[in-house]
Amino acid sequence: MTGKTTSKTTKDQAAAESPKVDPTDESNRIKDPDEWTTGAEPMTGAQASYLKTLSEQAKAPEAFEADLDKAEASKRIDALRKDTGKA
């Protein structure tokens, strides 16, 4: 033994220090798109691509609009996922 001490964190220590093990912590809960602070921003490229694909699969091309915001795109994606059986 060299006399050095190591400061390795055990799994139990890491869990005890993690804020996500607190069952009352709702900071990482799934939020309604209407509550998103960035919901009014334009939809992301990934959302646009997925929404376009889902609208084609659902035979609902009117569901895709290029100027949707993030929140509306998310809601339409959720609805189309249900319609196409992907939810």
Protein backbone atom coordinates (compact mmCIF):
# COMPACT_ATOMS: atom_id res chain seq x y z
CA MET A 1 0.00 0.00 0.00
CA THR A 2 1.42 3.40 -0.95
CA GLY A 3 -0.41 5.48 1.60
CA LYS A 4 -2.44 7.29 -1.06
CA THR A 5 -6.11 7.64 -0.49
CA THR A 6 -8.51 7.60 -3.37
CA SER A 7 -11.75 9.44 -3.49
CA LYS A 8 -13.79 6.99 -5.53
CA THR A 9 -17.50 7.45 -5.22
CA THR A 10 -19.50 4.32 -4.58
CA LYS A 11 -22.84 3.68 -6.23
CA ASP A 12 -24.61 4.29 -2.93
CA GLN A 13 -22.84 7.62 -2.42
CA ALA A 14 -23.64 8.72 -5.97
CA ALA A 15 -27.30 7.77 -5.53
CA ALA A 16 -27.50 9.63 -2.24
CA GLU A 17 -26.06 12.76 -3.85
CA SER A 18 -28.18 12.60 -6.99
CA PRO A 19 -31.18 14.94 -7.03
CA LYS A 20 -33.04 12.47 -9.28
CA VAL A 21 -33.43 9.90 -6.50
CA ASP A 22 -35.71 12.29 -4.63
CA PRO A 23 -39.23 11.09 -5.50
CA THR A 24 -40.66 14.55 -4.85
CA ASP A 25 -38.32 16.24 -7.35
CA GLU A 26 -40.39 17.06 -10.42
CA SER A 27 -37.74 19.11 -12.24
CA ASN A 28 -37.30 16.38 -14.84
CA ARG A 29 -40.91 15.41 -15.33
CA ILE A 30 -42.50 15.31 -18.75
CA LYS A 31 -44.19 18.63 -19.30
CA ASP A 32 -47.13 19.53 -21.47
CA PRO A 33 -45.85 21.30 -24.60
CA ASP A 34 -47.99 24.31 -23.65
CA GLU A 35 -45.78 24.70 -20.56
CA TRP A 36 -42.48 24.65 -22.45
CA THR A 37 -40.47 27.85 -22.12
CA THR A 38 -39.17 27.32 -25.67
CA GLY A 39 -42.48 26.11 -27.11
CA ALA A 40 -43.02 29.20 -29.21
CA GLU A 41 -39.70 28.79 -31.02
CA PRO A 42 -39.74 27.29 -34.52
CA MET A 43 -39.83 23.50 -34.59
CA THR A 44 -36.49 21.76 -34.84
CA GLY A 45 -35.24 20.07 -37.98
CA ALA A 46 -35.74 16.69 -36.33
CA GLN A 47 -39.34 17.55 -35.48
CA ALA A 48 -40.00 18.73 -39.04
CA SER A 49 -38.55 15.57 -40.54
CA TYR A 50 -40.44 13.25 -38.19
CA LEU A 51 -43.70 15.17 -38.57
CA LYS A 52 -43.39 15.03 -42.37
CA THR A 53 -42.77 11.28 -42.27
CA LEU A 54 -45.65 10.63 -39.87
CA SER A 55 -48.06 12.82 -41.84
CA GLU A 56 -47.25 10.83 -44.99
CA GLN A 57 -47.64 7.50 -43.19
CA ALA A 58 -50.98 8.62 -41.72
CA LYS A 59 -52.09 9.88 -45.14
CA ALA A 60 -52.69 13.27 -43.51
CA PRO A 61 -50.41 15.69 -45.41
CA GLU A 62 -52.31 18.64 -43.94
CA ALA A 63 -50.83 17.78 -40.53
CA PHE A 64 -47.45 19.04 -41.72
CA GLU A 65 -46.95 22.80 -41.82
CA ALA A 66 -43.42 24.15 -42.18
CA ASP A 67 -44.02 27.14 -39.90
CA LEU A 68 -45.16 25.31 -36.76
CA ASP A 69 -43.62 26.08 -33.40
CA LYS A 70 -42.02 23.41 -31.20
CA ALA A 71 -45.06 22.93 -28.98
CA GLU A 72 -47.55 22.53 -31.82
CA ALA A 73 -45.21 20.21 -33.71
CA SER A 74 -44.86 18.05 -30.61
CA LYS A 75 -48.63 17.82 -30.18
CA ARG A 76 -49.13 16.87 -33.82
CA ILE A 77 -46.36 14.28 -33.63
CA ASP A 78 -48.00 12.73 -30.56
CA ALA A 79 -51.39 12.62 -32.31
CA LEU A 80 -49.96 11.14 -35.49
CA ARG A 81 -47.99 8.55 -33.53
CA LYS A 82 -51.27 7.39 -32.01
CA ASP A 83 -52.98 7.40 -35.41
CA THR A 84 -50.20 5.32 -36.98
CA GLY A 85 -49.87 2.93 -34.02
CA LYS A 86 -46.38 4.13 -33.10
CA ALA A 87 -47.30 5.41 -29.65
